[in-house]
N, C-alpha and C. Protein backbone atom coordinates (compact mmCIF):
# COMPACT_ATOMS: atom_id res chain seq x y z
N GLN A 1 60.71 -72.55 66.78
CA GLN A 1 61.30 -71.28 67.16
C GLN A 1 61.98 -70.68 65.92
N ILE A 2 61.66 -69.43 65.65
CA ILE A 2 62.17 -68.80 64.45
C ILE A 2 63.20 -67.73 64.83
N ILE A 3 64.35 -67.83 64.19
CA ILE A 3 65.44 -66.88 64.46
C ILE A 3 65.53 -65.94 63.28
N LYS A 4 65.51 -64.65 63.57
CA LYS A 4 65.62 -63.66 62.48
C LYS A 4 67.05 -63.62 62.00
N GLN A 5 67.24 -63.73 60.68
CA GLN A 5 68.61 -63.68 60.16
C GLN A 5 69.12 -62.26 60.10
N VAL A 6 70.41 -62.11 60.31
CA VAL A 6 71.00 -60.78 60.23
C VAL A 6 71.02 -60.34 58.76
N PRO A 7 70.75 -59.05 58.50
CA PRO A 7 70.78 -58.59 57.11
C PRO A 7 72.19 -58.73 56.52
N VAL A 8 72.24 -59.04 55.24
CA VAL A 8 73.56 -59.19 54.62
C VAL A 8 74.02 -57.85 54.06
N ARG A 9 75.33 -57.67 54.08
CA ARG A 9 75.92 -56.48 53.49
C ARG A 9 77.00 -56.93 52.51
N PHE A 10 76.98 -56.34 51.34
CA PHE A 10 78.03 -56.67 50.37
C PHE A 10 78.98 -55.49 50.24
N ASP A 11 80.17 -55.79 49.76
CA ASP A 11 81.17 -54.75 49.56
C ASP A 11 81.27 -54.45 48.06
N PRO A 12 80.74 -53.28 47.63
CA PRO A 12 80.73 -52.97 46.19
C PRO A 12 82.14 -52.90 45.59
N LYS A 13 83.14 -52.60 46.42
CA LYS A 13 84.51 -52.44 45.90
C LYS A 13 85.12 -53.77 45.45
N THR A 14 84.66 -54.89 46.05
CA THR A 14 85.24 -56.19 45.70
C THR A 14 84.25 -57.08 44.95
N LEU A 15 83.28 -56.46 44.29
CA LEU A 15 82.19 -57.23 43.68
C LEU A 15 82.52 -57.82 42.32
N HIS A 16 83.47 -57.29 41.60
CA HIS A 16 83.85 -57.76 40.25
C HIS A 16 82.80 -57.51 39.18
N ILE A 17 81.67 -56.94 39.56
CA ILE A 17 80.67 -56.46 38.59
C ILE A 17 80.16 -55.13 39.14
N PRO A 18 79.60 -54.27 38.30
CA PRO A 18 79.05 -53.01 38.84
C PRO A 18 77.89 -53.32 39.79
N ALA A 19 77.88 -52.65 40.94
CA ALA A 19 76.81 -52.88 41.93
C ALA A 19 75.60 -52.03 41.57
N HIS A 20 74.91 -52.43 40.51
CA HIS A 20 73.74 -51.66 40.06
C HIS A 20 72.62 -51.70 41.08
N SER A 21 71.90 -50.59 41.16
CA SER A 21 70.72 -50.55 42.02
C SER A 21 69.58 -51.29 41.31
N VAL A 22 68.54 -51.59 42.06
CA VAL A 22 67.36 -52.25 41.49
C VAL A 22 66.77 -51.39 40.37
N GLU A 23 66.69 -50.08 40.63
CA GLU A 23 66.12 -49.15 39.64
C GLU A 23 66.91 -49.21 38.33
N LYS A 24 68.23 -49.19 38.47
CA LYS A 24 69.09 -49.23 37.28
C LYS A 24 68.89 -50.56 36.52
N LEU A 25 68.82 -51.66 37.26
CA LEU A 25 68.64 -52.97 36.62
C LEU A 25 67.30 -53.04 35.88
N LEU A 26 66.26 -52.49 36.51
CA LEU A 26 64.93 -52.55 35.89
C LEU A 26 64.81 -51.66 34.66
N SER A 27 65.66 -50.63 34.60
CA SER A 27 65.58 -49.72 33.45
C SER A 27 66.53 -50.13 32.31
N MET A 28 67.29 -51.20 32.52
CA MET A 28 68.25 -51.64 31.51
C MET A 28 67.56 -52.18 30.26
N LYS A 29 68.21 -51.96 29.14
CA LYS A 29 67.77 -52.60 27.89
C LYS A 29 68.07 -54.08 28.00
N ASP A 30 67.36 -54.90 27.23
CA ASP A 30 67.54 -56.35 27.30
C ASP A 30 68.98 -56.79 27.13
N VAL A 31 69.68 -56.17 26.17
CA VAL A 31 71.06 -56.59 25.90
C VAL A 31 71.95 -56.32 27.11
N ASP A 32 71.75 -55.18 27.79
CA ASP A 32 72.54 -54.85 28.98
C ASP A 32 72.21 -55.78 30.14
N TRP A 33 70.92 -56.06 30.30
CA TRP A 33 70.47 -56.99 31.35
C TRP A 33 71.10 -58.37 31.13
N ASN A 34 71.07 -58.83 29.88
CA ASN A 34 71.62 -60.15 29.57
C ASN A 34 73.13 -60.21 29.81
N ASN A 35 73.82 -59.12 29.49
CA ASN A 35 75.26 -59.06 29.76
C ASN A 35 75.55 -59.09 31.26
N PHE A 36 74.75 -58.34 32.02
CA PHE A 36 74.89 -58.31 33.48
C PHE A 36 74.68 -59.73 34.03
N LEU A 37 73.63 -60.36 33.56
CA LEU A 37 73.28 -61.71 34.03
C LEU A 37 74.37 -62.73 33.68
N LYS A 38 74.92 -62.60 32.47
CA LYS A 38 76.00 -63.50 32.05
C LYS A 38 77.20 -63.37 32.98
N ARG A 39 77.53 -62.13 33.34
CA ARG A 39 78.69 -61.91 34.23
C ARG A 39 78.44 -62.49 35.62
N VAL A 40 77.22 -62.29 36.12
CA VAL A 40 76.87 -62.84 37.44
C VAL A 40 77.00 -64.36 37.40
N CYS A 41 76.44 -64.97 36.36
CA CYS A 41 76.47 -66.44 36.24
C CYS A 41 77.89 -66.96 36.11
N SER A 42 78.72 -66.28 35.33
CA SER A 42 80.08 -66.80 35.14
C SER A 42 80.90 -66.64 36.42
N LEU A 43 80.66 -65.58 37.19
CA LEU A 43 81.36 -65.43 38.47
C LEU A 43 80.93 -66.51 39.46
N LEU A 44 79.63 -66.81 39.48
CA LEU A 44 79.12 -67.85 40.38
C LEU A 44 79.62 -69.23 39.97
N ASP A 45 79.72 -69.42 38.68
CA ASP A 45 80.06 -70.73 38.13
C ASP A 45 81.56 -71.02 38.16
N SER A 46 82.37 -70.01 38.48
CA SER A 46 83.82 -70.21 38.45
C SER A 46 84.21 -71.25 39.50
N SER A 47 85.20 -72.06 39.17
CA SER A 47 85.55 -73.16 40.07
C SER A 47 86.88 -72.95 40.77
N GLU A 48 87.31 -71.69 40.86
CA GLU A 48 88.56 -71.42 41.58
C GLU A 48 88.40 -71.81 43.04
N LYS A 49 89.44 -72.42 43.59
CA LYS A 49 89.33 -72.98 44.94
C LYS A 49 89.99 -72.11 46.02
N ASN A 50 90.64 -71.02 45.63
CA ASN A 50 91.35 -70.24 46.66
C ASN A 50 90.39 -69.42 47.53
N THR A 51 90.92 -68.94 48.66
CA THR A 51 90.10 -68.20 49.63
C THR A 51 89.52 -66.94 49.02
N GLY A 52 90.32 -66.24 48.20
CA GLY A 52 89.85 -65.01 47.58
C GLY A 52 88.64 -65.25 46.69
N ALA A 53 88.67 -66.37 45.94
CA ALA A 53 87.55 -66.71 45.05
C ALA A 53 86.30 -66.99 45.87
N ALA A 54 86.47 -67.70 46.98
CA ALA A 54 85.32 -68.00 47.85
C ALA A 54 84.74 -66.71 48.43
N ARG A 55 85.64 -65.82 48.86
CA ARG A 55 85.19 -64.53 49.42
C ARG A 55 84.42 -63.71 48.39
N SER A 56 84.93 -63.68 47.14
CA SER A 56 84.25 -62.86 46.13
C SER A 56 82.91 -63.50 45.73
N LYS A 57 82.85 -64.84 45.76
CA LYS A 57 81.58 -65.51 45.47
C LYS A 57 80.55 -65.22 46.57
N LEU A 58 81.02 -65.24 47.82
CA LEU A 58 80.12 -64.91 48.94
C LEU A 58 79.62 -63.47 48.82
N ASN A 59 80.52 -62.56 48.48
CA ASN A 59 80.15 -61.15 48.32
C ASN A 59 79.08 -61.00 47.24
N LEU A 60 79.24 -61.75 46.14
CA LEU A 60 78.25 -61.72 45.06
C LEU A 60 76.91 -62.26 45.54
N LEU A 61 76.93 -63.33 46.34
CA LEU A 61 75.68 -63.89 46.88
C LEU A 61 75.00 -62.89 47.82
N TYR A 62 75.79 -62.16 48.61
CA TYR A 62 75.21 -61.11 49.47
C TYR A 62 74.53 -60.04 48.62
N TYR A 63 75.18 -59.67 47.54
CA TYR A 63 74.60 -58.67 46.63
C TYR A 63 73.29 -59.19 46.04
N LEU A 64 73.28 -60.45 45.61
CA LEU A 64 72.05 -61.05 45.07
C LEU A 64 70.93 -61.06 46.10
N CYS A 65 71.28 -61.31 47.37
CA CYS A 65 70.27 -61.28 48.44
C CYS A 65 69.58 -59.92 48.52
N THR A 66 70.33 -58.84 48.26
CA THR A 66 69.73 -57.51 48.33
C THR A 66 68.86 -57.22 47.10
N LEU A 67 69.13 -57.92 45.99
CA LEU A 67 68.35 -57.70 44.77
C LEU A 67 67.05 -58.49 44.74
N VAL A 68 67.13 -59.75 45.16
CA VAL A 68 65.99 -60.66 44.95
C VAL A 68 64.81 -60.39 45.88
N VAL A 69 64.95 -59.46 46.80
CA VAL A 69 63.80 -59.10 47.64
C VAL A 69 62.85 -58.17 46.90
N HIS A 70 63.21 -57.80 45.67
CA HIS A 70 62.34 -56.97 44.83
C HIS A 70 61.64 -57.87 43.82
N GLN A 71 60.33 -57.83 43.83
CA GLN A 71 59.53 -58.78 43.06
C GLN A 71 59.90 -58.86 41.58
N GLU A 72 60.04 -57.71 40.93
CA GLU A 72 60.35 -57.73 39.49
C GLU A 72 61.69 -58.39 39.20
N ILE A 73 62.68 -58.09 40.04
CA ILE A 73 64.00 -58.71 39.87
C ILE A 73 63.90 -60.21 40.14
N ALA A 74 63.18 -60.58 41.20
CA ALA A 74 63.02 -62.01 41.54
C ALA A 74 62.36 -62.74 40.38
N ASN A 75 61.32 -62.14 39.79
CA ASN A 75 60.63 -62.77 38.65
C ASN A 75 61.57 -62.99 37.47
N ARG A 76 62.42 -62.00 37.22
CA ARG A 76 63.34 -62.13 36.08
C ARG A 76 64.44 -63.16 36.36
N LEU A 77 64.91 -63.20 37.60
CA LEU A 77 66.04 -64.08 37.92
C LEU A 77 65.64 -65.54 38.07
N ILE A 78 64.45 -65.80 38.62
CA ILE A 78 64.08 -67.20 38.86
C ILE A 78 63.88 -67.95 37.55
N SER A 79 63.51 -67.23 36.49
CA SER A 79 63.30 -67.91 35.21
C SER A 79 64.49 -67.74 34.27
N SER A 80 65.62 -67.27 34.82
CA SER A 80 66.82 -67.08 34.00
C SER A 80 67.78 -68.25 34.18
N GLN A 81 68.93 -68.16 33.52
CA GLN A 81 69.95 -69.20 33.66
C GLN A 81 70.60 -69.19 35.04
N LEU A 82 70.29 -68.16 35.86
CA LEU A 82 70.87 -68.08 37.19
C LEU A 82 70.38 -69.21 38.09
N PHE A 83 69.09 -69.55 38.01
CA PHE A 83 68.51 -70.53 38.93
C PHE A 83 69.19 -71.90 38.81
N PRO A 84 69.38 -72.44 37.59
CA PRO A 84 70.11 -73.71 37.49
C PRO A 84 71.55 -73.62 38.00
N ILE A 85 72.18 -72.46 37.86
CA ILE A 85 73.55 -72.30 38.37
C ILE A 85 73.55 -72.28 39.90
N LEU A 86 72.52 -71.68 40.49
CA LEU A 86 72.40 -71.71 41.95
C LEU A 86 72.27 -73.15 42.44
N ILE A 87 71.44 -73.93 41.74
CA ILE A 87 71.25 -75.34 42.12
C ILE A 87 72.59 -76.09 42.02
N GLN A 88 73.31 -75.83 40.93
CA GLN A 88 74.59 -76.49 40.72
C GLN A 88 75.59 -76.12 41.83
N GLN A 89 75.58 -74.85 42.25
CA GLN A 89 76.47 -74.40 43.33
C GLN A 89 76.07 -75.04 44.66
N LEU A 90 74.78 -75.19 44.87
CA LEU A 90 74.29 -75.83 46.08
C LEU A 90 74.79 -77.27 46.15
N ARG A 91 74.86 -77.90 44.99
CA ARG A 91 75.30 -79.30 44.92
C ARG A 91 76.83 -79.41 45.03
N ALA A 92 77.56 -78.51 44.37
CA ALA A 92 78.99 -78.73 44.16
C ALA A 92 79.92 -77.91 45.04
N ALA A 93 79.46 -76.80 45.59
CA ALA A 93 80.37 -75.94 46.37
C ALA A 93 80.94 -76.70 47.55
N THR A 94 82.25 -76.57 47.76
CA THR A 94 82.88 -77.25 48.89
C THR A 94 82.83 -76.38 50.14
N ASN A 95 82.63 -75.10 49.94
CA ASN A 95 82.56 -74.15 51.05
C ASN A 95 81.12 -74.08 51.56
N TRP A 96 80.91 -74.41 52.85
CA TRP A 96 79.55 -74.46 53.39
C TRP A 96 78.92 -73.08 53.52
N ASP A 97 79.75 -72.03 53.68
CA ASP A 97 79.19 -70.67 53.71
C ASP A 97 78.56 -70.34 52.36
N ILE A 98 79.22 -70.77 51.29
CA ILE A 98 78.68 -70.52 49.96
C ILE A 98 77.37 -71.29 49.80
N ARG A 99 77.37 -72.56 50.19
CA ARG A 99 76.13 -73.35 50.09
C ARG A 99 74.99 -72.71 50.89
N ALA A 100 75.30 -72.27 52.10
CA ALA A 100 74.27 -71.66 52.95
C ALA A 100 73.71 -70.40 52.30
N ASN A 101 74.57 -69.59 51.70
CA ASN A 101 74.10 -68.35 51.09
C ASN A 101 73.43 -68.57 49.75
N VAL A 102 73.81 -69.63 49.03
CA VAL A 102 73.08 -70.01 47.82
C VAL A 102 71.65 -70.41 48.22
N ALA A 103 71.53 -71.19 49.29
CA ALA A 103 70.21 -71.59 49.78
C ALA A 103 69.39 -70.36 50.18
N ARG A 104 70.06 -69.38 50.78
CA ARG A 104 69.37 -68.15 51.18
C ARG A 104 68.84 -67.40 49.95
N VAL A 105 69.67 -67.30 48.90
CA VAL A 105 69.23 -66.63 47.67
C VAL A 105 68.02 -67.38 47.07
N ILE A 106 68.10 -68.72 47.03
CA ILE A 106 67.00 -69.53 46.49
C ILE A 106 65.73 -69.30 47.30
N GLY A 107 65.86 -69.29 48.62
CA GLY A 107 64.70 -69.06 49.49
C GLY A 107 64.09 -67.68 49.28
N LEU A 108 64.94 -66.67 49.18
CA LEU A 108 64.44 -65.30 48.96
C LEU A 108 63.79 -65.16 47.58
N LEU A 109 64.38 -65.83 46.58
CA LEU A 109 63.78 -65.83 45.24
C LEU A 109 62.37 -66.42 45.30
N ALA A 110 62.25 -67.57 45.97
CA ALA A 110 60.94 -68.24 46.07
C ALA A 110 59.94 -67.37 46.83
N LEU A 111 60.42 -66.69 47.86
CA LEU A 111 59.54 -65.85 48.67
C LEU A 111 59.03 -64.64 47.90
N HIS A 112 59.89 -64.04 47.07
CA HIS A 112 59.53 -62.76 46.45
C HIS A 112 59.04 -62.85 45.01
N THR A 113 59.12 -64.02 44.40
CA THR A 113 58.67 -64.12 43.02
C THR A 113 57.15 -64.26 42.96
N SER A 114 56.56 -63.69 41.92
CA SER A 114 55.11 -63.85 41.76
C SER A 114 54.80 -64.61 40.47
N GLU A 115 55.81 -64.79 39.63
CA GLU A 115 55.62 -65.51 38.37
C GLU A 115 56.58 -66.69 38.34
N LEU A 116 56.06 -67.84 37.96
CA LEU A 116 56.91 -69.02 37.92
C LEU A 116 56.58 -69.83 36.68
N GLY A 117 57.51 -69.85 35.74
CA GLY A 117 57.31 -70.63 34.52
C GLY A 117 57.46 -72.11 34.81
N GLU A 118 56.79 -72.95 34.02
CA GLU A 118 56.86 -74.38 34.32
C GLU A 118 58.21 -75.00 33.97
N ASN A 119 59.06 -74.24 33.28
CA ASN A 119 60.38 -74.77 32.95
C ASN A 119 61.42 -74.50 34.04
N VAL A 120 61.04 -73.78 35.10
CA VAL A 120 61.97 -73.50 36.20
C VAL A 120 62.18 -74.80 36.99
N PRO A 121 63.44 -75.24 37.17
CA PRO A 121 63.68 -76.55 37.79
C PRO A 121 63.48 -76.57 39.31
N VAL A 122 62.27 -76.22 39.74
CA VAL A 122 61.96 -76.14 41.17
C VAL A 122 62.07 -77.51 41.83
N SER A 123 61.59 -78.54 41.14
CA SER A 123 61.63 -79.90 41.72
C SER A 123 63.06 -80.33 42.01
N GLU A 124 63.96 -79.98 41.10
CA GLU A 124 65.38 -80.32 41.29
C GLU A 124 65.93 -79.64 42.54
N ALA A 125 65.58 -78.37 42.73
CA ALA A 125 66.04 -77.63 43.91
C ALA A 125 65.48 -78.26 45.18
N ILE A 126 64.20 -78.65 45.15
CA ILE A 126 63.57 -79.27 46.32
C ILE A 126 64.24 -80.60 46.66
N THR A 127 64.49 -81.40 45.62
CA THR A 127 65.14 -82.71 45.83
C THR A 127 66.52 -82.53 46.45
N LEU A 128 67.28 -81.57 45.93
CA LEU A 128 68.63 -81.34 46.43
C LEU A 128 68.62 -80.83 47.87
N LEU A 129 67.75 -79.87 48.16
CA LEU A 129 67.66 -79.35 49.53
C LEU A 129 67.25 -80.46 50.50
N THR A 130 66.32 -81.31 50.07
CA THR A 130 65.88 -82.44 50.90
C THR A 130 67.06 -83.37 51.21
N GLU A 131 67.86 -83.68 50.17
CA GLU A 131 69.03 -84.54 50.36
C GLU A 131 70.04 -83.91 51.32
N LEU A 132 70.27 -82.60 51.15
CA LEU A 132 71.24 -81.91 52.01
C LEU A 132 70.79 -81.91 53.47
N ILE A 133 69.49 -81.73 53.68
CA ILE A 133 68.96 -81.74 55.06
C ILE A 133 69.10 -83.15 55.64
N ARG A 134 68.74 -84.16 54.82
CA ARG A 134 68.82 -85.54 55.30
C ARG A 134 70.26 -85.95 55.62
N GLU A 135 71.19 -85.56 54.74
CA GLU A 135 72.60 -85.93 54.95
C GLU A 135 73.21 -85.22 56.17
N ASN A 136 72.67 -84.07 56.50
CA ASN A 136 73.24 -83.27 57.60
C ASN A 136 72.24 -83.14 58.74
N PHE A 137 71.47 -84.20 58.96
CA PHE A 137 70.36 -84.10 59.91
C PHE A 137 70.81 -83.78 61.33
N ARG A 138 71.99 -84.24 61.70
CA ARG A 138 72.48 -84.00 63.06
C ARG A 138 73.16 -82.64 63.19
N ASN A 139 73.33 -81.93 62.08
CA ASN A 139 73.98 -80.63 62.12
C ASN A 139 72.90 -79.53 62.05
N SER A 140 72.49 -79.07 63.21
CA SER A 140 71.36 -78.14 63.23
C SER A 140 71.67 -76.81 62.54
N LYS A 141 72.94 -76.41 62.55
CA LYS A 141 73.31 -75.15 61.89
C LYS A 141 73.04 -75.24 60.38
N LEU A 142 73.43 -76.37 59.77
CA LEU A 142 73.20 -76.54 58.34
C LEU A 142 71.71 -76.69 58.04
N LYS A 143 71.01 -77.40 58.90
CA LYS A 143 69.56 -77.55 58.69
C LYS A 143 68.89 -76.18 58.70
N GLN A 144 69.35 -75.33 59.60
CA GLN A 144 68.77 -73.98 59.69
C GLN A 144 69.02 -73.17 58.43
N CYS A 145 70.05 -73.54 57.67
CA CYS A 145 70.33 -72.84 56.41
C CYS A 145 69.43 -73.34 55.28
N PHE A 146 69.17 -74.66 55.27
CA PHE A 146 68.48 -75.26 54.12
C PHE A 146 66.96 -75.33 54.27
N LEU A 147 66.47 -75.45 55.50
CA LEU A 147 65.03 -75.60 55.70
C LEU A 147 64.18 -74.43 55.21
N PRO A 148 64.59 -73.17 55.47
CA PRO A 148 63.75 -72.07 54.99
C PRO A 148 63.61 -72.07 53.46
N ALA A 149 64.69 -72.37 52.75
CA ALA A 149 64.62 -72.40 51.28
C ALA A 149 63.66 -73.49 50.83
N LEU A 150 63.76 -74.66 51.46
CA LEU A 150 62.86 -75.77 51.12
C LEU A 150 61.41 -75.37 51.38
N GLY A 151 61.16 -74.78 52.52
CA GLY A 151 59.80 -74.34 52.88
C GLY A 151 59.25 -73.32 51.89
N GLU A 152 60.08 -72.34 51.51
CA GLU A 152 59.64 -71.30 50.57
C GLU A 152 59.30 -71.90 49.20
N LEU A 153 60.12 -72.85 48.73
CA LEU A 153 59.85 -73.48 47.43
C LEU A 153 58.56 -74.29 47.48
N LEU A 154 58.35 -75.03 48.57
CA LEU A 154 57.12 -75.82 48.70
C LEU A 154 55.89 -74.90 48.74
N TYR A 155 56.02 -73.79 49.47
CA TYR A 155 54.92 -72.84 49.55
C TYR A 155 54.63 -72.20 48.19
N LEU A 156 55.70 -71.87 47.46
CA LEU A 156 55.55 -71.27 46.14
C LEU A 156 54.79 -72.22 45.20
N ILE A 157 55.20 -73.48 45.18
CA ILE A 157 54.51 -74.47 44.33
C ILE A 157 53.05 -74.62 44.75
N ALA A 158 52.83 -74.74 46.06
CA ALA A 158 51.46 -74.92 46.56
C ALA A 158 50.57 -73.74 46.16
N SER A 159 51.12 -72.52 46.27
CA SER A 159 50.30 -71.35 45.94
C SER A 159 50.02 -71.27 44.44
N LYS A 160 50.96 -71.70 43.61
CA LYS A 160 50.73 -71.69 42.16
C LYS A 160 49.71 -72.77 41.77
N GLU A 161 49.81 -73.93 42.40
CA GLU A 161 48.86 -75.01 42.09
C GLU A 161 47.46 -74.65 42.56
N GLU A 162 47.39 -73.95 43.69
CA GLU A 162 46.09 -73.54 44.23
C GLU A 162 45.37 -72.61 43.25
N LYS A 163 46.16 -71.76 42.59
CA LYS A 163 45.58 -70.84 41.61
C LYS A 163 45.35 -71.52 40.27
N GLY A 164 45.73 -72.81 40.19
CA GLY A 164 45.55 -73.56 38.95
C GLY A 164 46.43 -73.07 37.81
N GLU A 165 47.58 -72.48 38.17
CA GLU A 165 48.44 -71.90 37.13
C GLU A 165 49.16 -72.95 36.29
N HIS A 166 49.47 -74.09 36.89
CA HIS A 166 50.19 -75.13 36.15
C HIS A 166 49.70 -76.49 36.60
N PRO A 167 49.80 -77.48 35.74
CA PRO A 167 49.41 -78.82 36.16
C PRO A 167 50.35 -79.36 37.24
N ARG A 168 49.86 -80.24 38.07
CA ARG A 168 50.63 -80.79 39.18
C ARG A 168 51.93 -81.47 38.73
N GLU A 169 51.91 -82.13 37.57
CA GLU A 169 53.09 -82.87 37.11
C GLU A 169 54.27 -81.93 36.87
N CYS A 170 53.95 -80.67 36.65
CA CYS A 170 54.96 -79.67 36.31
C CYS A 170 56.07 -79.60 37.37
N TRP A 171 55.67 -79.59 38.62
CA TRP A 171 56.65 -79.54 39.71
C TRP A 171 56.35 -80.67 40.68
N ALA A 172 56.87 -81.83 40.38
CA ALA A 172 56.64 -82.98 41.26
C ALA A 172 57.47 -82.79 42.53
N VAL A 173 56.81 -82.91 43.67
CA VAL A 173 57.51 -82.78 44.95
C VAL A 173 57.74 -84.19 45.49
N PRO A 174 59.02 -84.55 45.69
CA PRO A 174 59.28 -85.90 46.22
C PRO A 174 58.71 -86.05 47.63
N SER A 175 58.16 -87.22 47.91
CA SER A 175 57.56 -87.43 49.23
C SER A 175 58.60 -87.28 50.33
N ALA A 176 59.87 -87.53 49.99
CA ALA A 176 60.96 -87.38 50.97
C ALA A 176 61.02 -85.96 51.52
N ALA A 177 60.63 -84.98 50.70
CA ALA A 177 60.67 -83.57 51.15
C ALA A 177 59.71 -83.38 52.33
N TYR A 178 58.51 -83.95 52.21
CA TYR A 178 57.53 -83.82 53.30
C TYR A 178 57.99 -84.62 54.52
N THR A 179 58.57 -85.80 54.28
CA THR A 179 59.05 -86.64 55.38
C THR A 179 60.12 -85.90 56.18
N VAL A 180 61.08 -85.31 55.47
CA VAL A 180 62.16 -84.58 56.13
C VAL A 180 61.61 -83.38 56.88
N LEU A 181 60.69 -82.67 56.25
CA LEU A 181 60.08 -81.49 56.88
C LEU A 181 59.36 -81.87 58.17
N MET A 182 58.56 -82.93 58.10
CA MET A 182 57.82 -83.37 59.29
C MET A 182 58.78 -83.83 60.39
N ARG A 183 59.84 -84.51 60.00
CA ARG A 183 60.81 -84.98 61.00
C ARG A 183 61.48 -83.78 61.69
N CYS A 184 61.80 -82.76 60.90
CA CYS A 184 62.40 -81.55 61.48
C CYS A 184 61.43 -80.87 62.43
N LEU A 185 60.17 -80.79 62.02
CA LEU A 185 59.17 -80.14 62.87
C LEU A 185 58.97 -80.92 64.16
N ARG A 186 58.93 -82.25 64.05
CA ARG A 186 58.78 -83.09 65.23
C ARG A 186 59.92 -82.88 66.20
N GLU A 187 61.12 -82.71 65.66
CA GLU A 187 62.29 -82.56 66.53
C GLU A 187 62.48 -81.10 66.97
N GLY A 188 61.56 -80.24 66.55
CA GLY A 188 61.58 -78.86 67.03
C GLY A 188 62.79 -78.07 66.60
N VAL A 189 63.10 -78.12 65.32
CA VAL A 189 64.25 -77.38 64.80
C VAL A 189 63.98 -75.89 64.92
N ARG A 190 65.01 -75.16 65.36
CA ARG A 190 64.92 -73.70 65.36
C ARG A 190 65.22 -73.23 63.95
N LEU A 191 64.31 -72.49 63.38
CA LEU A 191 64.46 -72.07 61.98
C LEU A 191 64.94 -70.64 61.85
N PHE A 192 65.79 -70.42 60.88
CA PHE A 192 66.13 -69.05 60.50
C PHE A 192 65.01 -68.56 59.59
N HIS A 193 64.64 -67.33 59.73
CA HIS A 193 63.64 -66.76 58.84
C HIS A 193 64.29 -65.64 58.06
N GLY A 194 64.33 -65.78 56.70
CA GLY A 194 65.03 -64.83 55.83
C GLY A 194 64.50 -63.46 55.91
């Protein structure tokens, strides 16, 4: 059973970076794009523990959700320094809302990207999502957050391998990922669809 996720809305007034439109981002010179990306990464990477910091990080993730549904932006972001920072946040964030929305950004990136360099740490993201699902197997709400991202990454790799774009060793998928996926399917997990 697939549950449609509610669209996210961000608040531009509390974003801490300019809320550029997709058009504006695509027309930026490299130096401006890199500066924008650096600011996004440093805001995501900040380790402040107060409620305000968590709220502003969530707001930034909502903003990213609205950007990564555009193929060109997704292509640029998945191969940037943002992807490893998303993985790190998925691993380290103590706030589960942040983890859930990081997973959502990763899933949307995987869904909308058409180019995937072999240096993108997709296997690491798959391994981590698999571990999170396994550790929280009895918590269906958390599983519903992590499963779509895992599925999108697996589909992305499969579609790239099918086209012969990269050798199989490039993105090794741990067998545990398939085991967890099959177990979830057997138990009839209701999935959120991004």
